[in-house]
Structure formats: structure tokens, C-alpha cells
Amino acid sequence: VTFRYMESVAYQIRKPGQPSGPAAKGETTLARGKGPKPSGTL
């Protein structure tokens, strides 16, 4: 069994008056693998 943990932080400075990007919702998602062996990503 292989466990891979990744995290990232992305940031951008916006000067006053510049439009903002869309906000991330903060929901946890689960994607199950479809291969011959069990796998998934949270």
C-alpha cells in the first residue's frame, strides 16, 4: 500500500481595485480509483 500526501499553498497579491478569483469551497472530495486494485484520493 502506498500513501502519498501532498499539500500546496498558492497565493497572489492583488492591488486595490483588482478583481478577486473564485473562493474555494472547503469541501472534502473522494475519488475512487477504477483500476484492478483498490485506490482512491481524498
All heavy atoms as atom14 arrays in JSON, in Angstrom:
{
  "sequence": "VTFRYMESVAYQIRKPGQPSGPAAKGETTLARGKGPKPSGTL",
  "atom14_mask": [
    [1, 1, 1, 1, 1, 1, 1, 0, 0, 0, 0, 0, 0, 0],
    [1, 1, 1, 1, 1, 1, 1, 0, 0, 0, 0, 0, 0, 0],
    [1, 1, 1, 1, 1, 1, 1, 1, 1, 1, 1, 0, 0, 0],
    [1, 1, 1, 1, 1, 1, 1, 1, 1, 1, 1, 0, 0, 0],
    [1, 1, 1, 1, 1, 1, 1, 1, 1, 1, 1, 1, 0, 0],
    [1, 1, 1, 1, 1, 1, 1, 1, 0, 0, 0, 0, 0, 0],
    [1, 1, 1, 1, 1, 1, 1, 1, 1, 0, 0, 0, 0, 0],
    [1, 1, 1, 1, 1, 1, 0, 0, 0, 0, 0, 0, 0, 0],
    [1, 1, 1, 1, 1, 1, 1, 0, 0, 0, 0, 0, 0, 0],
    [1, 1, 1, 1, 1, 0, 0, 0, 0, 0, 0, 0, 0, 0],
    [1, 1, 1, 1, 1, 1, 1, 1, 1, 1, 1, 1, 0, 0],
    [1, 1, 1, 1, 1, 1, 1, 1, 1, 0, 0, 0, 0, 0],
    [1, 1, 1, 1, 1, 1, 1, 1, 0, 0, 0, 0, 0, 0],
    [1, 1, 1, 1, 1, 1, 1, 1, 1, 1, 1, 0, 0, 0],
    [1, 1, 1, 1, 1, 1, 1, 1, 1, 0, 0, 0, 0, 0],
    [1, 1, 1, 1, 1, 1, 1, 0, 0, 0, 0, 0, 0, 0],
    [1, 1, 1, 1, 0, 0, 0, 0, 0, 0, 0, 0, 0, 0],
    [1, 1, 1, 1, 1, 1, 1, 1, 1, 0, 0, 0, 0, 0],
    [1, 1, 1, 1, 1, 1, 1, 0, 0, 0, 0, 0, 0, 0],
    [1, 1, 1, 1, 1, 1, 0, 0, 0, 0, 0, 0, 0, 0],
    [1, 1, 1, 1, 0, 0, 0, 0, 0, 0, 0, 0, 0, 0],
    [1, 1, 1, 1, 1, 1, 1, 0, 0, 0, 0, 0, 0, 0],
    [1, 1, 1, 1, 1, 0, 0, 0, 0, 0, 0, 0, 0, 0],
    [1, 1, 1, 1, 1, 0, 0, 0, 0, 0, 0, 0, 0, 0],
    [1, 1, 1, 1, 1, 1, 1, 1, 1, 0, 0, 0, 0, 0],
    [1, 1, 1, 1, 0, 0, 0, 0, 0, 0, 0, 0, 0, 0],
    [1, 1, 1, 1, 1, 1, 1, 1, 1, 0, 0, 0, 0, 0],
    [1, 1, 1, 1, 1, 1, 1, 0, 0, 0, 0, 0, 0, 0],
    [1, 1, 1, 1, 1, 1, 1, 0, 0, 0, 0, 0, 0, 0],
    [1, 1, 1, 1, 1, 1, 1, 1, 0, 0, 0, 0, 0, 0],
    [1, 1, 1, 1, 1, 0, 0, 0, 0, 0, 0, 0, 0, 0],
    [1, 1, 1, 1, 1, 1, 1, 1, 1, 1, 1, 0, 0, 0],
    [1, 1, 1, 1, 0, 0, 0, 0, 0, 0, 0, 0, 0, 0],
    [1, 1, 1, 1, 1, 1, 1, 1, 1, 0, 0, 0, 0, 0],
    [1, 1, 1, 1, 0, 0, 0, 0, 0, 0, 0, 0, 0, 0],
    [1, 1, 1, 1, 1, 1, 1, 0, 0, 0, 0, 0, 0, 0],
    [1, 1, 1, 1, 1, 1, 1, 1, 1, 0, 0, 0, 0, 0],
    [1, 1, 1, 1, 1, 1, 1, 0, 0, 0, 0, 0, 0, 0],
    [1, 1, 1, 1, 1, 1, 0, 0, 0, 0, 0, 0, 0, 0],
    [1, 1, 1, 1, 0, 0, 0, 0, 0, 0, 0, 0, 0, 0],
    [1, 1, 1, 1, 1, 1, 1, 0, 0, 0, 0, 0, 0, 0],
    [1, 1, 1, 1, 1, 1, 1, 1, 0, 0, 0, 0, 0, 0]
  ],
  "atom14_positions": [
    [[0.86, -1.18, 0.0], [0.0, 0.0, 0.0], [0.9, 1.24, 0.0], [1.82, 1.33, 0.81], [-0.93, 0.02, 1.23], [-1.85, 1.23, 1.21], [-1.73, -1.27, 1.33], [0.0, 0.0, 0.0], [0.0, 0.0, 0.0], [0.0, 0.0, 0.0], [0.0, 0.0, 0.0], [0.0, 0.0, 0.0], [0.0, 0.0, 0.0], [0.0, 0.0, 0.0]],
    [[0.62, 2.15, -0.91], [1.39, 3.39, -0.99], [0.49, 4.56, -0.62], [-0.61, 4.7, -1.16], [1.97, 3.6, -2.41], [2.79, 2.47, -2.73], [2.8, 4.86, -2.5], [0.0, 0.0, 0.0], [0.0, 0.0, 0.0], [0.0, 0.0, 0.0], [0.0, 0.0, 0.0], [0.0, 0.0, 0.0], [0.0, 0.0, 0.0], [0.0, 0.0, 0.0]],
    [[0.97, 5.37, 0.3], [0.27, 6.58, 0.73], [1.08, 7.77, 0.23], [2.27, 7.87, 0.51], [0.18, 6.66, 2.26], [-0.56, 5.52, 2.89], [0.1, 4.33, 3.21], [-1.91, 5.64, 3.18], [-0.58, 3.28, 3.8], [-2.59, 4.59, 3.78], [-1.93, 3.4, 4.08], [0.0, 0.0, 0.0], [0.0, 0.0, 0.0], [0.0, 0.0, 0.0]],
    [[0.45, 8.66, -0.51], [1.1, 9.88, -0.99], [0.31, 11.07, -0.45], [-0.87, 11.18, -0.71], [1.12, 9.93, -2.5], [2.05, 8.94, -3.12], [2.03, 9.04, -4.66], [2.81, 7.97, -5.23], [2.33, 6.77, -5.54], [1.06, 6.49, -5.35], [3.11, 5.85, -6.05], [0.0, 0.0, 0.0], [0.0, 0.0, 0.0], [0.0, 0.0, 0.0]],
    [[1.0, 11.92, 0.29], [0.37, 13.1, 0.88], [0.97, 14.32, 0.21], [2.2, 14.44, 0.09], [0.64, 13.14, 2.39], [0.11, 14.39, 3.06], [-1.23, 14.48, 3.41], [0.94, 15.46, 3.32], [-1.72, 15.62, 4.02], [0.45, 16.61, 3.92], [-0.87, 16.68, 4.26], [-1.36, 17.82, 4.86], [0.0, 0.0, 0.0], [0.0, 0.0, 0.0]],
    [[0.13, 15.21, -0.25], [0.61, 16.43, -0.89], [-0.19, 17.62, -0.37], [-1.39, 17.49, -0.1], [0.46, 16.35, -2.4], [1.36, 15.31, -3.02], [1.51, 15.44, -4.8], [-0.03, 14.74, -5.32], [0.0, 0.0, 0.0], [0.0, 0.0, 0.0], [0.0, 0.0, 0.0], [0.0, 0.0, 0.0], [0.0, 0.0, 0.0], [0.0, 0.0, 0.0]],
    [[0.49, 18.73, -0.23], [-0.21, 19.96, 0.09], [0.45, 21.1, -0.66], [1.64, 21.04, -1.0], [-0.25, 20.23, 1.59], [1.06, 20.46, 2.26], [0.9, 20.68, 3.77], [-0.22, 20.59, 4.3], [1.92, 20.95, 4.41], [0.0, 0.0, 0.0], [0.0, 0.0, 0.0], [0.0, 0.0, 0.0], [0.0, 0.0, 0.0], [0.0, 0.0, 0.0]],
    [[-0.34, 22.09, -0.96], [0.19, 23.26, -1.65], [-0.51, 24.51, -1.15], [-1.65, 24.46, -0.69], [0.01, 23.13, -3.17], [-1.34, 23.24, -3.52], [0.0, 0.0, 0.0], [0.0, 0.0, 0.0], [0.0, 0.0, 0.0], [0.0, 0.0, 0.0], [0.0, 0.0, 0.0], [0.0, 0.0, 0.0], [0.0, 0.0, 0.0], [0.0, 0.0, 0.0]],
    [[0.22, 25.6, -1.24], [-0.31, 26.9, -0.91], [-0.05, 27.78, -2.13], [1.07, 27.9, -2.59], [0.39, 27.51, 0.32], [-0.13, 28.92, 0.6], [0.21, 26.62, 1.53], [0.0, 0.0, 0.0], [0.0, 0.0, 0.0], [0.0, 0.0, 0.0], [0.0, 0.0, 0.0], [0.0, 0.0, 0.0], [0.0, 0.0, 0.0], [0.0, 0.0, 0.0]],
    [[-1.12, 28.34, -2.66], [-0.98, 29.28, -3.79], [-1.48, 30.63, -3.31], [-2.47, 30.71, -2.58], [-1.81, 28.8, -4.98], [0.0, 0.0, 0.0], [0.0, 0.0, 0.0], [0.0, 0.0, 0.0], [0.0, 0.0, 0.0], [0.0, 0.0, 0.0], [0.0, 0.0, 0.0], [0.0, 0.0, 0.0], [0.0, 0.0, 0.0], [0.0, 0.0, 0.0]],
    [[-0.78, 31.67, -3.68], [-1.21, 32.99, -3.27], [-0.84, 34.0, -4.32], [0.04, 33.8, -5.15], [-0.61, 33.38, -1.91], [0.87, 33.12, -1.82], [1.78, 34.09, -2.18], [1.34, 31.9, -1.38], [3.13, 33.84, -2.11], [2.69, 31.64, -1.3], [3.58, 32.62, -1.66], [4.92, 32.36, -1.59], [0.0, 0.0, 0.0], [0.0, 0.0, 0.0]],
    [[-1.6, 35.1, -4.31], [-1.39, 36.18, -5.25], [-1.74, 37.5, -4.58], [-2.75, 37.6, -3.89], [-2.27, 35.98, -6.49], [-2.04, 37.04, -7.55], [-2.75, 36.71, -8.85], [-3.55, 35.79, -8.92], [-2.45, 37.45, -9.88], [0.0, 0.0, 0.0], [0.0, 0.0, 0.0], [0.0, 0.0, 0.0], [0.0, 0.0, 0.0], [0.0, 0.0, 0.0]],
    [[-0.87, 38.49, -4.78], [-1.13, 39.83, -4.26], [-2.04, 40.53, -5.26], [-1.8, 40.5, -6.45], [0.17, 40.64, -4.11], [1.17, 39.91, -3.22], [-0.11, 42.04, -3.62], [0.77, 39.77, -1.8], [0.0, 0.0, 0.0], [0.0, 0.0, 0.0], [0.0, 0.0, 0.0], [0.0, 0.0, 0.0], [0.0, 0.0, 0.0], [0.0, 0.0, 0.0]],
    [[-3.09, 41.14, -4.75], [-4.0, 41.92, -5.6], [-4.0, 43.35, -5.09], [-4.27, 43.6, -3.92], [-5.41, 41.36, -5.56], [-5.45, 39.95, -6.12], [-6.7, 39.77, -6.91], [-6.8, 38.42, -7.39], [-6.57, 38.07, -8.65], [-6.23, 38.96, -9.52], [-6.68, 36.82, -9.02], [0.0, 0.0, 0.0], [0.0, 0.0, 0.0], [0.0, 0.0, 0.0]],
    [[-3.71, 44.27, -5.96], [-3.72, 45.68, -5.6], [-5.17, 46.14, -5.46], [-6.07, 45.55, -6.06], [-2.98, 46.52, -6.66], [-1.5, 46.18, -6.77], [-0.76, 46.49, -5.49], [0.72, 46.16, -5.62], [1.43, 46.38, -4.37], [0.0, 0.0, 0.0], [0.0, 0.0, 0.0], [0.0, 0.0, 0.0], [0.0, 0.0, 0.0], [0.0, 0.0, 0.0]],
    [[-5.43, 47.19, -4.67], [-6.8, 47.66, -4.51], [-7.45, 47.91, -5.87], [-6.85, 48.47, -6.78], [-6.63, 48.97, -3.73], [-5.35, 48.78, -2.98], [-4.47, 47.96, -3.91], [0.0, 0.0, 0.0], [0.0, 0.0, 0.0], [0.0, 0.0, 0.0], [0.0, 0.0, 0.0], [0.0, 0.0, 0.0], [0.0, 0.0, 0.0], [0.0, 0.0, 0.0]],
    [[-8.68, 47.43, -6.02], [-9.42, 47.61, -7.26], [-9.32, 46.45, -8.22], [-10.12, 46.32, -9.14], [0.0, 0.0, 0.0], [0.0, 0.0, 0.0], [0.0, 0.0, 0.0], [0.0, 0.0, 0.0], [0.0, 0.0, 0.0], [0.0, 0.0, 0.0], [0.0, 0.0, 0.0], [0.0, 0.0, 0.0], [0.0, 0.0, 0.0], [0.0, 0.0, 0.0]],
    [[-8.32, 45.57, -8.05], [-8.21, 44.39, -8.92], [-9.26, 43.37, -8.51], [-9.5, 43.15, -7.32], [-6.83, 43.75, -8.82], [-5.74, 44.48, -9.56], [-4.44, 43.69, -9.47], [-4.02, 43.28, -8.4], [-3.81, 43.5, -10.61], [0.0, 0.0, 0.0], [0.0, 0.0, 0.0], [0.0, 0.0, 0.0], [0.0, 0.0, 0.0], [0.0, 0.0, 0.0]],
    [[-9.89, 42.7, -9.49], [-10.91, 41.69, -9.15], [-10.28, 40.46, -8.49], [-9.14, 40.11, -8.77], [-11.53, 41.34, -10.49], [-10.49, 41.7, -11.51], [-9.72, 42.85, -10.93], [0.0, 0.0, 0.0], [0.0, 0.0, 0.0], [0.0, 0.0, 0.0], [0.0, 0.0, 0.0], [0.0, 0.0, 0.0], [0.0, 0.0, 0.0], [0.0, 0.0, 0.0]],
    [[-11.04, 39.81, -7.62], [-10.6, 38.59, -6.95], [-10.99, 37.37, -7.76], [-11.9, 37.42, -8.58], [-11.26, 38.46, -5.57], [-10.96, 39.55, -4.78], [0.0, 0.0, 0.0], [0.0, 0.0, 0.0], [0.0, 0.0, 0.0], [0.0, 0.0, 0.0], [0.0, 0.0, 0.0], [0.0, 0.0, 0.0], [0.0, 0.0, 0.0], [0.0, 0.0, 0.0]],
    [[-10.31, 36.26, -7.49], [-10.66, 34.99, -8.11], [-11.77, 34.32, -7.31], [-12.14, 34.79, -6.24], [0.0, 0.0, 0.0], [0.0, 0.0, 0.0], [0.0, 0.0, 0.0], [0.0, 0.0, 0.0], [0.0, 0.0, 0.0], [0.0, 0.0, 0.0], [0.0, 0.0, 0.0], [0.0, 0.0, 0.0], [0.0, 0.0, 0.0], [0.0, 0.0, 0.0]],
    [[-12.31, 33.2, -7.81], [-13.36, 32.5, -7.08], [-12.8, 31.84, -5.81], [-11.68, 31.37, -5.8], [-13.85, 31.45, -8.08], [-12.69, 31.24, -9.0], [-11.96, 32.55, -9.06], [0.0, 0.0, 0.0], [0.0, 0.0, 0.0], [0.0, 0.0, 0.0], [0.0, 0.0, 0.0], [0.0, 0.0, 0.0], [0.0, 0.0, 0.0], [0.0, 0.0, 0.0]],
    [[-13.6, 31.81, -4.76], [-13.18, 31.2, -3.5], [-13.4, 29.7, -3.53], [-14.4, 29.22, -4.06], [-13.97, 31.8, -2.34], [0.0, 0.0, 0.0], [0.0, 0.0, 0.0], [0.0, 0.0, 0.0], [0.0, 0.0, 0.0], [0.0, 0.0, 0.0], [0.0, 0.0, 0.0], [0.0, 0.0, 0.0], [0.0, 0.0, 0.0], [0.0, 0.0, 0.0]],
    [[-12.44, 28.95, -2.98], [-12.6, 27.5, -2.87], [-13.6, 27.2, -1.75], [-13.65, 27.89, -0.75], [-11.25, 26.85, -2.57], [0.0, 0.0, 0.0], [0.0, 0.0, 0.0], [0.0, 0.0, 0.0], [0.0, 0.0, 0.0], [0.0, 0.0, 0.0], [0.0, 0.0, 0.0], [0.0, 0.0, 0.0], [0.0, 0.0, 0.0], [0.0, 0.0, 0.0]],
    [[-14.38, 26.15, -1.91], [-15.48, 25.84, -1.01], [-15.05, 25.18, 0.31], [-15.74, 25.26, 1.29], [-16.48, 24.94, -1.71], [-17.02, 25.55, -2.98], [-18.47, 25.83, -2.84], [-19.07, 26.23, -4.17], [-19.32, 27.59, -4.32], [0.0, 0.0, 0.0], [0.0, 0.0, 0.0], [0.0, 0.0, 0.0], [0.0, 0.0, 0.0], [0.0, 0.0, 0.0]],
    [[-13.94, 24.45, 0.33], [-13.51, 23.79, 1.55], [-14.14, 22.43, 1.77], [-14.08, 21.89, 2.86], [0.0, 0.0, 0.0], [0.0, 0.0, 0.0], [0.0, 0.0, 0.0], [0.0, 0.0, 0.0], [0.0, 0.0, 0.0], [0.0, 0.0, 0.0], [0.0, 0.0, 0.0], [0.0, 0.0, 0.0], [0.0, 0.0, 0.0], [0.0, 0.0, 0.0]],
    [[-14.77, 21.86, 0.75], [-15.39, 20.55, 0.88], [-14.38, 19.45, 0.58], [-13.56, 19.58, -0.31], [-16.57, 20.43, -0.08], [-17.67, 21.44, 0.21], [-18.75, 21.47, -0.87], [-18.68, 20.68, -1.82], [-19.66, 22.29, -0.73], [0.0, 0.0, 0.0], [0.0, 0.0, 0.0], [0.0, 0.0, 0.0], [0.0, 0.0, 0.0], [0.0, 0.0, 0.0]],
    [[-14.48, 18.35, 1.33], [-13.62, 17.2, 1.07], [-14.25, 16.36, -0.03], [-15.44, 16.11, -0.02], [-13.46, 16.35, 2.34], [-12.88, 17.18, 3.37], [-12.55, 15.15, 2.1], [0.0, 0.0, 0.0], [0.0, 0.0, 0.0], [0.0, 0.0, 0.0], [0.0, 0.0, 0.0], [0.0, 0.0, 0.0], [0.0, 0.0, 0.0], [0.0, 0.0, 0.0]],
    [[-13.41, 15.94, -0.99], [-13.91, 15.1, -2.06], [-13.17, 13.77, -2.05], [-12.01, 13.69, -1.65], [-13.73, 15.76, -3.45], [-12.34, 16.03, -3.67], [-14.5, 17.06, -3.54], [0.0, 0.0, 0.0], [0.0, 0.0, 0.0], [0.0, 0.0, 0.0], [0.0, 0.0, 0.0], [0.0, 0.0, 0.0], [0.0, 0.0, 0.0], [0.0, 0.0, 0.0]],
    [[-13.86, 12.74, -2.49], [-13.29, 11.4, -2.58], [-13.44, 10.93, -4.02], [-14.54, 10.93, -4.57], [-14.02, 10.43, -1.65], [-13.69, 8.94, -1.81], [-12.23, 8.66, -1.51], [-14.6, 8.1, -0.93], [0.0, 0.0, 0.0], [0.0, 0.0, 0.0], [0.0, 0.0, 0.0], [0.0, 0.0, 0.0], [0.0, 0.0, 0.0], [0.0, 0.0, 0.0]],
    [[-12.33, 10.56, -4.62], [-12.34, 10.0, -5.97], [-11.81, 8.58, -5.87], [-10.65, 8.36, -5.5], [-11.49, 10.83, -6.91], [0.0, 0.0, 0.0], [0.0, 0.0, 0.0], [0.0, 0.0, 0.0], [0.0, 0.0, 0.0], [0.0, 0.0, 0.0], [0.0, 0.0, 0.0], [0.0, 0.0, 0.0], [0.0, 0.0, 0.0], [0.0, 0.0, 0.0]],
    [[-12.64, 7.61, -6.18], [-12.22, 6.2, -6.12], [-11.53, 5.82, -7.42], [-11.98, 6.17, -8.5], [-13.43, 5.3, -5.9], [-14.0, 5.44, -4.51], [-15.16, 4.47, -4.28], [-15.57, 4.47, -2.9], [-16.4, 5.36, -2.37], [-16.92, 6.29, -3.11], [-16.71, 5.29, -1.09], [0.0, 0.0, 0.0], [0.0, 0.0, 0.0], [0.0, 0.0, 0.0]],
    [[-10.43, 5.05, -7.29], [-9.73, 4.55, -8.46], [-10.54, 3.48, -9.16], [-11.35, 2.78, -8.55], [0.0, 0.0, 0.0], [0.0, 0.0, 0.0], [0.0, 0.0, 0.0], [0.0, 0.0, 0.0], [0.0, 0.0, 0.0], [0.0, 0.0, 0.0], [0.0, 0.0, 0.0], [0.0, 0.0, 0.0], [0.0, 0.0, 0.0], [0.0, 0.0, 0.0]],
    [[-10.34, 3.34, -10.45], [-11.1, 2.36, -11.23], [-10.21, 1.22, -11.74], [-10.65, 0.41, -12.53], [-11.78, 3.07, -12.4], [-12.72, 4.18, -11.95], [-13.66, 4.57, -13.02], [-14.5, 5.76, -12.71], [-15.11, 5.86, -11.43], [0.0, 0.0, 0.0], [0.0, 0.0, 0.0], [0.0, 0.0, 0.0], [0.0, 0.0, 0.0], [0.0, 0.0, 0.0]],
    [[-8.97, 1.17, -11.28], [-8.03, 0.15, -11.73], [-8.31, -1.22, -11.14], [-9.27, -1.41, -10.39], [0.0, 0.0, 0.0], [0.0, 0.0, 0.0], [0.0, 0.0, 0.0], [0.0, 0.0, 0.0], [0.0, 0.0, 0.0], [0.0, 0.0, 0.0], [0.0, 0.0, 0.0], [0.0, 0.0, 0.0], [0.0, 0.0, 0.0], [0.0, 0.0, 0.0]],
    [[-7.44, -2.17, -11.44], [-7.65, -3.54, -10.97], [-7.47, -3.7, -9.46], [-7.96, -4.66, -8.88], [-6.59, -4.34, -11.73], [-5.56, -3.35, -12.12], [-6.27, -2.04, -12.3], [0.0, 0.0, 0.0], [0.0, 0.0, 0.0], [0.0, 0.0, 0.0], [0.0, 0.0, 0.0], [0.0, 0.0, 0.0], [0.0, 0.0, 0.0], [0.0, 0.0, 0.0]],
    [[-6.76, -2.79, -8.82], [-6.55, -2.84, -7.37], [-7.22, -1.62, -6.73], [-7.35, -0.57, -7.36], [-5.06, -2.83, -7.03], [-4.3, -4.06, -7.48], [-4.48, -5.17, -6.48], [-3.54, -6.31, -6.8], [-3.4, -7.22, -5.69], [0.0, 0.0, 0.0], [0.0, 0.0, 0.0], [0.0, 0.0, 0.0], [0.0, 0.0, 0.0], [0.0, 0.0, 0.0]],
    [[-7.61, -1.72, -5.45], [-8.24, -0.58, -4.77], [-7.32, 0.64, -4.71], [-6.1, 0.52, -4.53], [-8.51, -1.11, -3.36], [-8.54, -2.6, -3.5], [-7.57, -2.91, -4.6], [0.0, 0.0, 0.0], [0.0, 0.0, 0.0], [0.0, 0.0, 0.0], [0.0, 0.0, 0.0], [0.0, 0.0, 0.0], [0.0, 0.0, 0.0], [0.0, 0.0, 0.0]],
    [[-7.9, 1.8, -4.88], [-7.17, 3.06, -4.75], [-8.18, 4.2, -4.61], [-9.36, 4.02, -4.87], [-6.27, 3.31, -5.98], [-7.06, 3.47, -7.14], [0.0, 0.0, 0.0], [0.0, 0.0, 0.0], [0.0, 0.0, 0.0], [0.0, 0.0, 0.0], [0.0, 0.0, 0.0], [0.0, 0.0, 0.0], [0.0, 0.0, 0.0], [0.0, 0.0, 0.0]],
    [[-7.68, 5.34, -4.21], [-8.56, 6.5, -4.08], [-7.78, 7.72, -3.66], [-6.63, 7.63, -3.23], [0.0, 0.0, 0.0], [0.0, 0.0, 0.0], [0.0, 0.0, 0.0], [0.0, 0.0, 0.0], [0.0, 0.0, 0.0], [0.0, 0.0, 0.0], [0.0, 0.0, 0.0], [0.0, 0.0, 0.0], [0.0, 0.0, 0.0], [0.0, 0.0, 0.0]],
    [[-8.42, 8.87, -3.82], [-7.82, 10.14, -3.44], [-8.83, 10.96, -2.66], [-9.95, 11.16, -3.11], [-7.39, 10.94, -4.7], [-6.46, 10.16, -5.45], [-6.76, 12.26, -4.32], [0.0, 0.0, 0.0], [0.0, 0.0, 0.0], [0.0, 0.0, 0.0], [0.0, 0.0, 0.0], [0.0, 0.0, 0.0], [0.0, 0.0, 0.0], [0.0, 0.0, 0.0]],
    [[-8.41, 11.42, -1.49], [-9.17, 12.37, -0.69], [-8.51, 13.72, -0.87], [-7.28, 13.83, -0.77], [-9.12, 12.01, 0.79], [-10.01, 10.89, 1.27], [-9.64, 10.5, 2.7], [-11.47, 11.3, 1.21], [0.0, 0.0, 0.0], [0.0, 0.0, 0.0], [0.0, 0.0, 0.0], [0.0, 0.0, 0.0], [0.0, 0.0, 0.0], [0.0, 0.0, 0.0]]
  ]
}
